[in-house]
Amino acid sequence: MTKTVLVTGGTGFVGAHIIFQLLQGGYNVRTTLRSLSSKSKVIDTLKSNGINTFESLAFVEADLSKDDNWDVAMKGCDYVLSVASPVFFTIPKDENEVIRPAVEGIVRVLKAAQNAGVKRVIMTSNFGAIGFSNNNPNIATTEKDWTNPNEKGLSAYEKSKLLAELAAWDFIKKEGCNLEFATINPVAILGPSLSAHISGSFGLIEHLLNGSMKSIPNISLNIVDVRDVADLHIRAMTNPNANGQRFIASADGQISLPEIATLLKDKAPDITKKVSTKTVPNWVIYLAALFNKQAKEAALLLRMSRNVSNKKAKKILDWNPIANKEEAILASLNSMIKYEIIK
């Protein structure tokens, strides 16, 4: 019997890839949109990537900040993939304006799922909920770790994801009854986009390419391809052993911003003429962090460990990433060229 999956946020970078893979896998898919006026965008995106029939795809208008229609969205669903996050076009001065909607949104989804008799919810959390407080590169960061909410330099966005995940696990513990639950915690998500809608992580590449990053901080990153993130969601959804677990989504190893700059210049010399080769000494960032919020966030990224383990997802879910970090970066670059995000 064909299973029905609700994916929240069908227009998003990750959500679109999940819907694409679910339809390829023969699932009935329902997706929520803040406005049904976006329905044509989703269909056009899927069409342009080879999906030709849409009998298995349905749309419901629902907003994470409102109770309306969540009961309709959940009715008859076996699984829920809670991918959507509250949208902010500018970061509010008060971090609670970011945190409150994120926390209330996931609790709203979990309550509706429980009321509808959904079997399992998979939440898209992020690495910010796990690894921003491990400063020891000799100790691997794993799913057992949690970021300290009071960590100096923790951005409002990262803090909102952390507190939303904590609220979700608290709900499951106190009110979850028979509702199964797991989280996917991706590092920086890159890879090919199915449309001109890209993730925030693409901003790193864009700042390198347009020359706005005159000198490059020696910050290391962990990267994962969006196709592997979508695959991991579906594996966590169906594997009995995933219930009650967190899974870090990351390709093997790490790569620094200067290394990314060199990779881009080597592979695409024609469009990387503005990419800087100058680096910023770490002490400059640490000094600036005493006075500047953005530098404080950069200082946190400098001092945190990038020794990140992806063994749990590999072992429990038999997950093997199809793309390494370099392939994900170059796929992002190709998408930015294809959709004219960069000229």
C-alpha atoms as a PDB file:
ATOM      1  CA  MET A   1       0.000   0.000   0.000  1.00  0.00           C
ATOM      2  CA  THR A   2       1.445   3.385  -1.036  1.00  0.00           C
ATOM      3  CA  LYS A   3       2.467   5.536   1.916  1.00  0.00           C
ATOM      4  CA  THR A   4       1.561   9.221   2.160  1.00  0.00           C
ATOM      5  CA  VAL A   5       4.201  11.717   3.250  1.00  0.00           C
ATOM      6  CA  LEU A   6       3.690  15.343   4.239  1.00  0.00           C
ATOM      7  CA  VAL A   7       6.639  17.611   3.465  1.00  0.00           C
ATOM      8  CA  THR A   8       6.420  21.069   5.004  1.00  0.00           C
ATOM      9  CA  GLY A   9       7.814  23.907   2.898  1.00  0.00           C
ATOM     10  CA  GLY A  10       7.646  22.563  -0.659  1.00  0.00           C
ATOM     11  CA  THR A  11       9.237  25.631  -2.238  1.00  0.00           C
ATOM     12  CA  GLY A  12      12.440  25.386  -0.203  1.00  0.00           C
ATOM     13  CA  PHE A  13      15.859  24.251  -1.416  1.00  0.00           C
ATOM     14  CA  VAL A  14      15.858  21.060   0.692  1.00  0.00           C
ATOM     15  CA  GLY A  15      12.089  20.535   0.551  1.00  0.00           C
ATOM     16  CA  ALA A  16      12.092  20.491  -3.263  1.00  0.00           C
ATOM     17  CA  HIS A  17      14.787  17.803  -3.351  1.00  0.00           C
ATOM     18  CA  ILE A  18      12.904  15.685  -0.807  1.00  0.00           C
ATOM     19  CA  ILE A  19       9.665  15.927  -2.805  1.00  0.00           C
ATOM     20  CA  PHE A  20      11.579  15.044  -5.976  1.00  0.00           C
ATOM     21  CA  GLN A  21      13.092  11.923  -4.400  1.00  0.00           C
ATOM     22  CA  LEU A  22       9.810  10.860  -2.768  1.00  0.00           C
ATOM     23  CA  LEU A  23       7.920  11.096  -6.080  1.00  0.00           C
ATOM     24  CA  GLN A  24      10.686   9.099  -7.764  1.00  0.00           C
ATOM     25  CA  GLY A  25      10.269   6.522  -4.992  1.00  0.00           C
ATOM     26  CA  GLY A  26       6.547   6.098  -5.633  1.00  0.00           C
ATOM     27  CA  TYR A  27       5.184   7.842  -2.530  1.00  0.00           C
ATOM     28  CA  ASN A  28       2.041   9.931  -2.331  1.00  0.00           C
ATOM     29  CA  VAL A  29       3.314  13.377  -1.396  1.00  0.00           C
ATOM     30  CA  ARG A  30       1.499  16.268   0.191  1.00  0.00           C
ATOM     31  CA  THR A  31       3.281  19.558   0.780  1.00  0.00           C
ATOM     32  CA  THR A  32       2.432  22.703   2.693  1.00  0.00           C
ATOM     33  CA  LEU A  33       2.880  26.174   1.230  1.00  0.00           C
ATOM     34  CA  ARG A  34       2.383  29.485   2.993  1.00  0.00           C
ATOM     35  CA  SER A  35       0.321  30.465  -0.055  1.00  0.00           C
ATOM     36  CA  LEU A  36      -1.153  28.240  -2.761  1.00  0.00           C
ATOM     37  CA  SER A  37      -0.047  30.881  -5.265  1.00  0.00           C
ATOM     38  CA  SER A  38       3.355  29.144  -5.037  1.00  0.00           C
ATOM     39  CA  LYS A  39       1.916  25.849  -6.289  1.00  0.00           C
ATOM     40  CA  SER A  40       2.893  26.537  -9.906  1.00  0.00           C
ATOM     41  CA  LYS A  41       6.508  27.201  -8.842  1.00  0.00           C
ATOM     42  CA  VAL A  42       6.766  23.743  -7.296  1.00  0.00           C
ATOM     43  CA  ILE A  43       5.213  22.023 -10.306  1.00  0.00           C
ATOM     44  CA  ASP A  44       7.376  23.968 -12.781  1.00  0.00           C
ATOM     45  CA  THR A  45      10.504  23.092 -10.783  1.00  0.00           C
ATOM     46  CA  LEU A  46       9.640  19.384 -10.766  1.00  0.00           C
ATOM     47  CA  LYS A  47       8.736  19.433 -14.479  1.00  0.00           C
ATOM     48  CA  SER A  48      12.040  21.033 -15.396  1.00  0.00           C
ATOM     49  CA  ASN A  49      13.809  18.197 -13.573  1.00  0.00           C
ATOM     50  CA  GLY A  50      11.974  15.332 -15.252  1.00  0.00           C
ATOM     51  CA  ILE A  51       8.819  14.731 -13.183  1.00  0.00           C
ATOM     52  CA  ASN A  52       5.958  14.484 -15.682  1.00  0.00           C
ATOM     53  CA  THR A  53       2.964  13.216 -13.705  1.00  0.00           C
ATOM     54  CA  PHE A  54       1.522  14.874 -10.618  1.00  0.00           C
ATOM     55  CA  GLU A  55      -1.349  12.589  -9.556  1.00  0.00           C
ATOM     56  CA  SER A  56       0.682  11.693  -6.446  1.00  0.00           C
ATOM     57  CA  LEU A  57       1.312  15.308  -5.397  1.00  0.00           C
ATOM     58  CA  ALA A  58      -1.106  17.469  -3.404  1.00  0.00           C
ATOM     59  CA  PHE A  59      -0.871  20.928  -1.837  1.00  0.00           C
ATOM     60  CA  VAL A  60      -2.252  22.436   1.376  1.00  0.00           C
ATOM     61  CA  GLU A  61      -1.981  26.071   2.434  1.00  0.00           C
ATOM     62  CA  ALA A  62      -0.549  26.166   5.966  1.00  0.00           C
ATOM     63  CA  ASP A  63       1.734  28.516   7.872  1.00  0.00           C
ATOM     64  CA  LEU A  64       3.972  27.509  10.791  1.00  0.00           C
ATOM     65  CA  SER A  65       2.787  30.579  12.715  1.00  0.00           C
ATOM     66  CA  LYS A  66      -0.923  29.636  12.512  1.00  0.00           C
ATOM     67  CA  ASP A  67      -3.060  26.639  13.497  1.00  0.00           C
ATOM     68  CA  ASP A  68      -5.165  26.831  10.318  1.00  0.00           C
ATOM     69  CA  ASN A  69      -5.225  23.767   8.036  1.00  0.00           C
ATOM     70  CA  TRP A  70      -2.607  21.672   9.819  1.00  0.00           C
ATOM     71  CA  ASP A  71      -5.269  19.075  10.631  1.00  0.00           C
ATOM     72  CA  VAL A  72      -6.149  18.972   6.915  1.00  0.00           C
ATOM     73  CA  ALA A  73      -2.484  18.721   5.935  1.00  0.00           C
ATOM     74  CA  MET A  74      -1.846  15.781   8.305  1.00  0.00           C
ATOM     75  CA  LYS A  75      -5.027  13.765   7.647  1.00  0.00           C
ATOM     76  CA  GLY A  76      -4.204  10.301   6.357  1.00  0.00           C
ATOM     77  CA  CYS A  77      -0.426  10.838   6.403  1.00  0.00           C
ATOM     78  CA  ASP A  78       1.907   8.059   7.475  1.00  0.00           C
ATOM     79  CA  TYR A  79       4.964  10.284   7.824  1.00  0.00           C
ATOM     80  CA  VAL A  80       5.746  13.984   8.226  1.00  0.00           C
ATOM     81  CA  LEU A  81       9.024  15.576   7.171  1.00  0.00           C
ATOM     82  CA  SER A  82       9.148  18.904   9.004  1.00  0.00           C
ATOM     83  CA  VAL A  83      11.535  20.802   6.746  1.00  0.00           C
ATOM     84  CA  ALA A  84      10.140  24.343   6.680  1.00  0.00           C
ATOM     85  CA  SER A  85      11.476  27.073   8.966  1.00  0.00           C
ATOM     86  CA  PRO A  86       9.920  30.453   9.733  1.00  0.00           C
ATOM     87  CA  VAL A  87      11.009  32.996   7.120  1.00  0.00           C
ATOM     88  CA  PHE A  88      12.809  36.262   7.958  1.00  0.00           C
ATOM     89  CA  PHE A  89      13.966  38.685   5.288  1.00  0.00           C
ATOM     90  CA  THR A  90      16.001  40.636   7.822  1.00  0.00           C
ATOM     91  CA  ILE A  91      17.346  39.486  11.168  1.00  0.00           C
ATOM     92  CA  PRO A  92      15.323  41.204  13.926  1.00  0.00           C
ATOM     93  CA  LYS A  93      17.174  43.103  16.637  1.00  0.00           C
ATOM     94  CA  ASP A  94      15.477  40.966  19.278  1.00  0.00           C
ATOM     95  CA  GLU A  95      16.583  37.324  18.834  1.00  0.00           C
ATOM     96  CA  ASN A  96      13.302  36.154  20.392  1.00  0.00           C
ATOM     97  CA  GLU A  97      11.534  37.292  17.233  1.00  0.00           C
ATOM     98  CA  VAL A  98      13.448  34.497  15.473  1.00  0.00           C
ATOM     99  CA  ILE A  99      13.417  31.949  18.292  1.00  0.00           C
ATOM    100  CA  ARG A 100       9.735  32.068  19.255  1.00  0.00           C
ATOM    101  CA  PRO A 101       8.309  31.235  15.787  1.00  0.00           C
ATOM    102  CA  ALA A 102      10.817  28.389  15.336  1.00  0.00           C
ATOM    103  CA  VAL A 103       9.901  26.815  18.680  1.00  0.00           C
ATOM    104  CA  GLU A 104       6.168  27.352  18.277  1.00  0.00           C
ATOM    105  CA  GLY A 105       6.268  26.094  14.688  1.00  0.00           C
ATOM    106  CA  ILE A 106       7.763  22.663  15.428  1.00  0.00           C
ATOM    107  CA  VAL A 107       5.504  22.143  18.457  1.00  0.00           C
ATOM    108  CA  ARG A 108       2.499  23.028  16.282  1.00  0.00           C
ATOM    109  CA  VAL A 109       3.586  20.422  13.710  1.00  0.00           C
ATOM    110  CA  LEU A 110       4.143  17.730  16.352  1.00  0.00           C
ATOM    111  CA  LYS A 111       0.773  18.335  18.019  1.00  0.00           C
ATOM    112  CA  ALA A 112      -1.047  18.155  14.695  1.00  0.00           C
ATOM    113  CA  ALA A 113       0.851  14.999  13.720  1.00  0.00           C
ATOM    114  CA  GLN A 114      -0.019  13.316  16.997  1.00  0.00           C
ATOM    115  CA  ASN A 115      -3.679  14.279  16.715  1.00  0.00           C
ATOM    116  CA  ALA A 116      -3.807  12.870  13.175  1.00  0.00           C
ATOM    117  CA  GLY A 117      -2.237   9.539  14.127  1.00  0.00           C
ATOM    118  CA  VAL A 118       0.934  10.067  12.079  1.00  0.00           C
ATOM    119  CA  LYS A 119       3.467   7.267  12.588  1.00  0.00           C
ATOM    120  CA  ARG A 120       6.735   9.272  12.522  1.00  0.00           C
ATOM    121  CA  VAL A 121       7.947  12.873  12.217  1.00  0.00           C
ATOM    122  CA  ILE A 122      11.423  13.717  10.927  1.00  0.00           C
ATOM    123  CA  MET A 123      12.577  17.226  11.832  1.00  0.00           C
ATOM    124  CA  THR A 124      15.165  19.140   9.847  1.00  0.00           C
ATOM    125  CA  SER A 125      17.284  20.610  12.625  1.00  0.00           C
ATOM    126  CA  ASN A 126      20.876  21.647  11.942  1.00  0.00           C
ATOM    127  CA  PHE A 127      24.474  21.233  13.054  1.00  0.00           C
ATOM    128  CA  GLY A 128      24.158  24.434  15.063  1.00  0.00           C
ATOM    129  CA  ALA A 129      22.147  22.410  17.585  1.00  0.00           C
ATOM    130  CA  ILE A 130      25.015  19.941  17.996  1.00  0.00           C
ATOM    131  CA  GLY A 131      28.546  21.134  17.411  1.00  0.00           C
ATOM    132  CA  PHE A 132      29.126  24.794  18.190  1.00  0.00           C
ATOM    133  CA  SER A 133      30.432  24.214  21.728  1.00  0.00           C
ATOM    134  CA  ASN A 134      33.120  21.622  21.013  1.00  0.00           C
ATOM    135  CA  ASN A 135      36.420  23.509  20.755  1.00  0.00           C
ATOM    136  CA  ASN A 136      38.676  20.454  20.964  1.00  0.00           C
ATOM    137  CA  PRO A 137      39.702  19.225  17.474  1.00  0.00           C
ATOM    138  CA  ASN A 138      40.969  15.982  19.005  1.00  0.00           C
ATOM    139  CA  ILE A 139      37.464  15.003  20.098  1.00  0.00           C
ATOM    140  CA  ALA A 140      34.993  14.159  17.326  1.00  0.00           C
ATOM    141  CA  THR A 141      31.632  15.909  17.469  1.00  0.00           C
ATOM    142  CA  THR A 142      28.772  13.383  17.484  1.00  0.00           C
ATOM    143  CA  GLU A 143      25.007  13.357  17.877  1.00  0.00           C
ATOM    144  CA  LYS A 144      25.467  13.059  21.649  1.00  0.00           C
ATOM    145  CA  ASP A 145      26.688  16.673  21.741  1.00  0.00           C
ATOM    146  CA  TRP A 146      24.556  19.769  22.214  1.00  0.00           C
ATOM    147  CA  THR A 147      25.496  23.387  21.602  1.00  0.00           C
ATOM    148  CA  ASN A 148      25.365  25.617  24.675  1.00  0.00           C
ATOM    149  CA  PRO A 149      22.496  28.106  24.067  1.00  0.00           C
ATOM    150  CA  ASN A 150      24.626  30.787  25.748  1.00  0.00           C
ATOM    151  CA  GLU A 151      27.665  30.196  23.510  1.00  0.00           C
ATOM    152  CA  LYS A 152      29.355  33.513  22.674  1.00  0.00           C
ATOM    153  CA  GLY A 153      28.865  34.365  19.007  1.00  0.00           C
ATOM    154  CA  LEU A 154      25.968  31.977  18.432  1.00  0.00           C
ATOM    155  CA  SER A 155      23.745  33.601  15.800  1.00  0.00           C
ATOM    156  CA  ALA A 156      20.020  34.093  16.364  1.00  0.00           C
ATOM    157  CA  TYR A 157      19.305  31.630  13.535  1.00  0.00           C
ATOM    158  CA  GLU A 158      21.516  28.872  15.005  1.00  0.00           C
ATOM    159  CA  LYS A 159      20.088  29.481  18.469  1.00  0.00           C
ATOM    160  CA  SER A 160      16.530  29.288  17.123  1.00  0.00           C
ATOM    161  CA  LYS A 161      17.232  25.896  15.517  1.00  0.00           C
ATOM    162  CA  LEU A 162      18.833  24.631  18.736  1.00  0.00           C
ATOM    163  CA  LEU A 163      15.960  25.735  20.964  1.00  0.00           C
ATOM    164  CA  ALA A 164      13.382  24.449  18.474  1.00  0.00           C
ATOM    165  CA  GLU A 165      14.977  21.006  18.534  1.00  0.00           C
ATOM    166  CA  LEU A 166      15.151  21.023  22.339  1.00  0.00           C
ATOM    167  CA  ALA A 167      11.447  21.954  22.430  1.00  0.00           C
ATOM    168  CA  ALA A 168      10.650  19.132  20.020  1.00  0.00           C
ATOM    169  CA  TRP A 169      12.408  16.476  22.105  1.00  0.00           C
ATOM    170  CA  ASP A 170      10.733  17.883  25.236  1.00  0.00           C
ATOM    171  CA  PHE A 171       7.318  17.550  23.578  1.00  0.00           C
ATOM    172  CA  ILE A 172       8.053  13.962  22.513  1.00  0.00           C
ATOM    173  CA  LYS A 173       9.179  13.073  26.032  1.00  0.00           C
ATOM    174  CA  LYS A 174       6.219  14.657  27.832  1.00  0.00           C
ATOM    175  CA  GLU A 175       3.338  14.461  25.349  1.00  0.00           C
ATOM    176  CA  GLY A 176       4.501  12.380  22.396  1.00  0.00           C
ATOM    177  CA  CYS A 177       2.725   9.148  23.375  1.00  0.00           C
ATOM    178  CA  ASN A 178       3.163   6.835  20.366  1.00  0.00           C
ATOM    179  CA  LEU A 179       4.549   9.456  17.969  1.00  0.00           C
ATOM    180  CA  GLU A 180       7.936   8.404  16.594  1.00  0.00           C
ATOM    181  CA  PHE A 181      10.509  11.136  16.056  1.00  0.00           C
ATOM    182  CA  ALA A 182      14.028  11.727  14.751  1.00  0.00           C
ATOM    183  CA  THR A 183      16.096  14.708  13.614  1.00  0.00           C
ATOM    184  CA  ILE A 184      18.447  15.350  10.713  1.00  0.00           C
ATOM    185  CA  ASN A 185      21.205  17.832  11.612  1.00  0.00           C
ATOM    186  CA  PRO A 186      22.919  19.042   8.421  1.00  0.00           C
ATOM    187  CA  VAL A 187      26.102  21.073   8.242  1.00  0.00           C
ATOM    188  CA  ALA A 188      26.344  23.721   5.467  1.00  0.00           C
ATOM    189  CA  ILE A 189      24.107  22.480   2.630  1.00  0.00           C
ATOM    190  CA  LEU A 190      25.364  22.953  -0.918  1.00  0.00           C
ATOM    191  CA  GLY A 191      24.928  20.993  -4.145  1.00  0.00           C
ATOM    192  CA  PRO A 192      22.743  21.345  -7.237  1.00  0.00           C
ATOM    193  CA  SER A 193      19.593  23.437  -6.995  1.00  0.00           C
ATOM    194  CA  LEU A 194      16.418  22.344  -8.791  1.00  0.00           C
ATOM    195  CA  SER A 195      15.532  26.010  -9.390  1.00  0.00           C
ATOM    196  CA  ALA A 196      16.756  29.546  -8.768  1.00  0.00           C
ATOM    197  CA  HIS A 197      15.768  29.099  -5.115  1.00  0.00           C
ATOM    198  CA  ILE A 198      19.021  28.357  -3.271  1.00  0.00           C
ATOM    199  CA  SER A 199      20.056  27.875   0.347  1.00  0.00           C
ATOM    200  CA  GLY A 200      21.700  30.425   2.610  1.00  0.00           C
ATOM    201  CA  SER A 201      24.960  28.491   2.393  1.00  0.00           C
ATOM    202  CA  PHE A 202      25.324  29.610  -1.228  1.00  0.00           C
ATOM    203  CA  GLY A 203      26.009  33.087   0.146  1.00  0.00           C
ATOM    204  CA  LEU A 204      29.552  31.991   1.014  1.00  0.00           C
ATOM    205  CA  ILE A 205      30.299  31.193  -2.620  1.00  0.00           C
ATOM    206  CA  GLU A 206      28.521  34.313  -3.842  1.00  0.00           C
ATOM    207  CA  HIS A 207      30.606  36.573  -1.539  1.00  0.00           C
ATOM    208  CA  LEU A 208      33.786  34.925  -2.778  1.00  0.00           C
ATOM    209  CA  LEU A 209      32.803  35.285  -6.436  1.00  0.00           C
ATOM    210  CA  ASN A 210      31.599  38.889  -6.365  1.00  0.00           C
ATOM    211  CA  GLY A 211      34.743  40.109  -4.618  1.00  0.00           C
ATOM    212  CA  SER A 212      32.902  41.450  -1.574  1.00  0.00           C
ATOM    213  CA  MET A 213      35.117  39.220   0.573  1.00  0.00           C
ATOM    214  CA  LYS A 214      38.341  41.196   0.071  1.00  0.00           C
ATOM    215  CA  SER A 215      40.275  39.044   2.519  1.00  0.00           C
ATOM    216  CA  ILE A 216      39.237  35.519   3.455  1.00  0.00           C
ATOM    217  CA  PRO A 217      39.072  34.321   7.050  1.00  0.00           C
ATOM    218  CA  ASN A 218      40.728  30.953   7.605  1.00  0.00           C
ATOM    219  CA  ILE A 219      37.451  29.364   8.724  1.00  0.00           C
ATOM    220  CA  SER A 220      36.944  25.665   8.088  1.00  0.00           C
ATOM    221  CA  LEU A 221      33.555  24.240   7.145  1.00  0.00           C
ATOM    222  CA  ASN A 222      31.796  20.914   6.989  1.00  0.00           C
ATOM    223  CA  ILE A 223      29.673  20.553   3.867  1.00  0.00           C
ATOM    224  CA  VAL A 224      26.941  18.193   2.684  1.00  0.00           C
ATOM    225  CA  ASP A 225      25.233  17.830  -0.685  1.00  0.00           C
ATOM    226  CA  VAL A 226      21.487  18.573  -0.694  1.00  0.00           C
ATOM    227  CA  ARG A 227      20.776  15.281  -2.516  1.00  0.00           C
ATOM    228  CA  ASP A 228      22.372  13.410   0.371  1.00  0.00           C
ATOM    229  CA  VAL A 229      20.371  15.438   2.914  1.00  0.00           C
ATOM    230  CA  ALA A 230      17.117  14.494   1.132  1.00  0.00           C
ATOM    231  CA  ASP A 231      18.168  10.852   0.980  1.00  0.00           C
ATOM    232  CA  LEU A 232      18.979  10.850   4.698  1.00  0.00           C
ATOM    233  CA  HIS A 233      15.517  12.233   5.557  1.00  0.00           C
ATOM    234  CA  ILE A 234      13.836   9.413   3.662  1.00  0.00           C
ATOM    235  CA  ARG A 235      16.073   6.751   5.215  1.00  0.00           C
ATOM    236  CA  ALA A 236      15.332   8.102   8.706  1.00  0.00           C
ATOM    237  CA  MET A 237      11.631   8.125   7.844  1.00  0.00           C
ATOM    238  CA  THR A 238      11.502   4.428   6.932  1.00  0.00           C
ATOM    239  CA  ASN A 239      14.178   2.734   9.052  1.00  0.00           C
ATOM    240  CA  PRO A 240      12.740   1.298  12.314  1.00  0.00           C
ATOM    241  CA  ASN A 241      16.045   1.930  14.092  1.00  0.00           C
ATOM    242  CA  ALA A 242      15.906   5.683  13.441  1.00  0.00           C
ATOM    243  CA  ASN A 243      13.190   6.371  15.996  1.00  0.00           C
ATOM    244  CA  GLY A 244      14.423   8.555  18.840  1.00  0.00           C
ATOM    245  CA  GLN A 245      17.713   9.360  17.117  1.00  0.00           C
ATOM    246  CA  ARG A 246      19.607  12.376  15.783  1.00  0.00           C
ATOM    247  CA  PHE A 247      21.689  12.112  12.609  1.00  0.00           C
ATOM    248  CA  ILE A 248      24.469  14.461  11.505  1.00  0.00           C
ATOM    249  CA  ALA A 249      24.377  15.001   7.735  1.00  0.00           C
ATOM    250  CA  SER A 250      27.906  15.756   6.559  1.00  0.00           C
ATOM    251  CA  ALA A 251      30.261  14.647   3.834  1.00  0.00           C
ATOM    252  CA  ASP A 252      33.599  13.304   5.057  1.00  0.00           C
ATOM    253  CA  GLY A 253      36.212  15.795   6.231  1.00  0.00           C
ATOM    254  CA  GLN A 254      36.369  19.573   6.247  1.00  0.00           C
ATOM    255  CA  ILE A 255      37.454  22.358   3.913  1.00  0.00           C
ATOM    256  CA  SER A 256      38.557  25.935   4.654  1.00  0.00           C
ATOM    257  CA  LEU A 257      37.307  29.088   2.944  1.00  0.00           C
ATOM    258  CA  PRO A 258      40.766  29.727   1.384  1.00  0.00           C
ATOM    259  CA  GLU A 259      40.690  26.151   0.034  1.00  0.00           C
ATOM    260  CA  ILE A 260      37.223  26.783  -1.410  1.00  0.00           C
ATOM    261  CA  ALA A 261      38.531  29.956  -3.065  1.00  0.00           C
ATOM    262  CA  THR A 262      41.432  28.023  -4.610  1.00  0.00           C
ATOM    263  CA  LEU A 263      39.070  25.272  -5.820  1.00  0.00           C
ATOM    264  CA  LEU A 264      36.801  27.814  -7.507  1.00  0.00           C
ATOM    265  CA  LYS A 265      39.708  29.615  -9.176  1.00  0.00           C
ATOM    266  CA  ASP A 266      41.157  26.325 -10.457  1.00  0.00           C
ATOM    267  CA  LYS A 267      37.892  24.951 -11.839  1.00  0.00           C
ATOM    268  CA  ALA A 268      36.267  28.136 -13.159  1.00  0.00           C
ATOM    269  CA  PRO A 269      38.991  30.722 -13.924  1.00  0.00           C
ATOM    270  CA  ASP A 270      36.760  32.755 -16.265  1.00  0.00           C
ATOM    271  CA  ILE A 271      34.237  33.696 -13.609  1.00  0.00           C
ATOM    272  CA  THR A 272      36.463  33.804 -10.536  1.00  0.00           C
ATOM    273  CA  LYS A 273      38.665  36.761 -11.369  1.00  0.00           C
ATOM    274  CA  LYS A 274      37.296  38.693  -8.357  1.00  0.00           C
ATOM    275  CA  VAL A 275      37.963  35.858  -5.888  1.00  0.00           C
ATOM    276  CA  SER A 276      40.549  37.052  -3.367  1.00  0.00           C
ATOM    277  CA  THR A 277      43.631  35.065  -2.444  1.00  0.00           C
ATOM    278  CA  LYS A 278      44.349  37.177   0.647  1.00  0.00           C
ATOM    279  CA  THR A 279      43.624  35.727   4.062  1.00  0.00           C
ATOM    280  CA  VAL A 280      42.714  37.441   7.325  1.00  0.00           C
ATOM    281  CA  PRO A 281      44.926  36.515  10.298  1.00  0.00           C
ATOM    282  CA  ASN A 282      42.913  34.849  13.051  1.00  0.00           C
ATOM    283  CA  TRP A 283      44.031  37.424  15.628  1.00  0.00           C
ATOM    284  CA  VAL A 284      42.353  40.193  13.619  1.00  0.00           C
ATOM    285  CA  ILE A 285      38.994  38.411  13.852  1.00  0.00           C
ATOM    286  CA  TYR A 286      39.405  37.697  17.569  1.00  0.00           C
ATOM    287  CA  LEU A 287      40.251  41.350  18.190  1.00  0.00           C
ATOM    288  CA  ALA A 288      37.308  42.592  16.124  1.00  0.00           C
ATOM    289  CA  ALA A 289      35.022  40.170  18.013  1.00  0.00           C
ATOM    290  CA  LEU A 290      35.436  42.356  21.081  1.00  0.00           C
ATOM    291  CA  PHE A 291      33.531  45.133  19.324  1.00  0.00           C
ATOM    292  CA  ASN A 292      31.562  43.634  16.414  1.00  0.00           C
ATOM    293  CA  LYS A 293      28.693  41.116  16.413  1.00  0.00           C
ATOM    294  CA  GLN A 294      29.522  39.704  12.964  1.00  0.00           C
ATOM    295  CA  ALA A 295      33.167  39.231  13.974  1.00  0.00           C
ATOM    296  CA  LYS A 296      31.991  37.534  17.178  1.00  0.00           C
ATOM    297  CA  GLU A 297      30.081  34.981  15.057  1.00  0.00           C
ATOM    298  CA  ALA A 298      33.174  34.504  12.864  1.00  0.00           C
ATOM    299  CA  ALA A 299      35.331  33.977  15.950  1.00  0.00           C
ATOM    300  CA  LEU A 300      33.003  31.190  17.083  1.00  0.00           C
ATOM    301  CA  LEU A 301      33.375  29.514  13.681  1.00  0.00           C
ATOM    302  CA  LEU A 302      37.164  29.811  14.007  1.00  0.00           C
ATOM    303  CA  ARG A 303      37.439  28.221  17.430  1.00  0.00           C
ATOM    304  CA  MET A 304      34.880  25.404  17.088  1.00  0.00           C
ATOM    305  CA  SER A 305      36.072  21.934  16.128  1.00  0.00           C
ATOM    306  CA  ARG A 306      35.375  20.705  12.597  1.00  0.00           C
ATOM    307  CA  ASN A 307      36.233  17.126  13.520  1.00  0.00           C
ATOM    308  CA  VAL A 308      32.699  15.911  12.823  1.00  0.00           C
ATOM    309  CA  SER A 309      31.567  12.287  12.759  1.00  0.00           C
ATOM    310  CA  ASN A 310      28.998  11.037  10.228  1.00  0.00           C
ATOM    311  CA  LYS A 311      29.435   7.407  11.293  1.00  0.00           C
ATOM    312  CA  LYS A 312      26.035   7.067  12.953  1.00  0.00           C
ATOM    313  CA  ALA A 313      24.051   7.776   9.774  1.00  0.00           C
ATOM    314  CA  LYS A 314      26.301   5.425   7.837  1.00  0.00           C
ATOM    315  CA  LYS A 315      25.988   2.623  10.382  1.00  0.00           C
ATOM    316  CA  ILE A 316      22.298   2.785  11.329  1.00  0.00           C
ATOM    317  CA  LEU A 317      20.796   4.007   8.052  1.00  0.00           C
ATOM    318  CA  ASP A 318      23.340   2.558   5.595  1.00  0.00           C
ATOM    319  CA  TRP A 319      23.767   6.111   4.280  1.00  0.00           C
ATOM    320  CA  ASN A 320      26.622   6.662   1.848  1.00  0.00           C
ATOM    321  CA  PRO A 321      26.895  10.232   0.532  1.00  0.00           C
ATOM    322  CA  ILE A 322      26.992  10.364  -3.268  1.00  0.00           C
ATOM    323  CA  ALA A 323      28.946  13.643  -3.293  1.00  0.00           C
ATOM    324  CA  ASN A 324      32.099  14.735  -1.507  1.00  0.00           C
ATOM    325  CA  LYS A 325      32.529  18.304  -0.309  1.00  0.00           C
ATOM    326  CA  GLU A 326      34.346  19.463  -3.482  1.00  0.00           C
ATOM    327  CA  GLU A 327      31.623  18.017  -5.729  1.00  0.00           C
ATOM    328  CA  ALA A 328      28.931  19.746  -3.680  1.00  0.00           C
ATOM    329  CA  ILE A 329      30.732  23.096  -3.969  1.00  0.00           C
ATOM    330  CA  LEU A 330      31.169  22.805  -7.737  1.00  0.00           C
ATOM    331  CA  ALA A 331      27.556  21.654  -8.198  1.00  0.00           C
ATOM    332  CA  SER A 332      26.484  24.808  -6.337  1.00  0.00           C
ATOM    333  CA  LEU A 333      28.648  26.918  -8.620  1.00  0.00           C
ATOM    334  CA  ASN A 334      27.106  25.299 -11.703  1.00  0.00           C
ATOM    335  CA  SER A 335      23.588  25.974 -10.389  1.00  0.00           C
ATOM    336  CA  MET A 336      24.427  29.617  -9.731  1.00  0.00           C
ATOM    337  CA  ILE A 337      25.629  29.927 -13.321  1.00  0.00           C
ATOM    338  CA  LYS A 338      22.640  28.001 -14.736  1.00  0.00           C
ATOM    339  CA  TYR A 339      20.042  30.136 -12.955  1.00  0.00           C
ATOM    340  CA  GLU A 340      22.026  33.361 -13.513  1.00  0.00           C
ATOM    341  CA  ILE A 341      22.493  34.005  -9.812  1.00  0.00           C
ATOM    342  CA  ILE A 342      25.989  34.973 -10.840  1.00  0.00           C
ATOM    343  CA  LYS A 343      26.893  36.272 -14.287  1.00  0.00           C
END
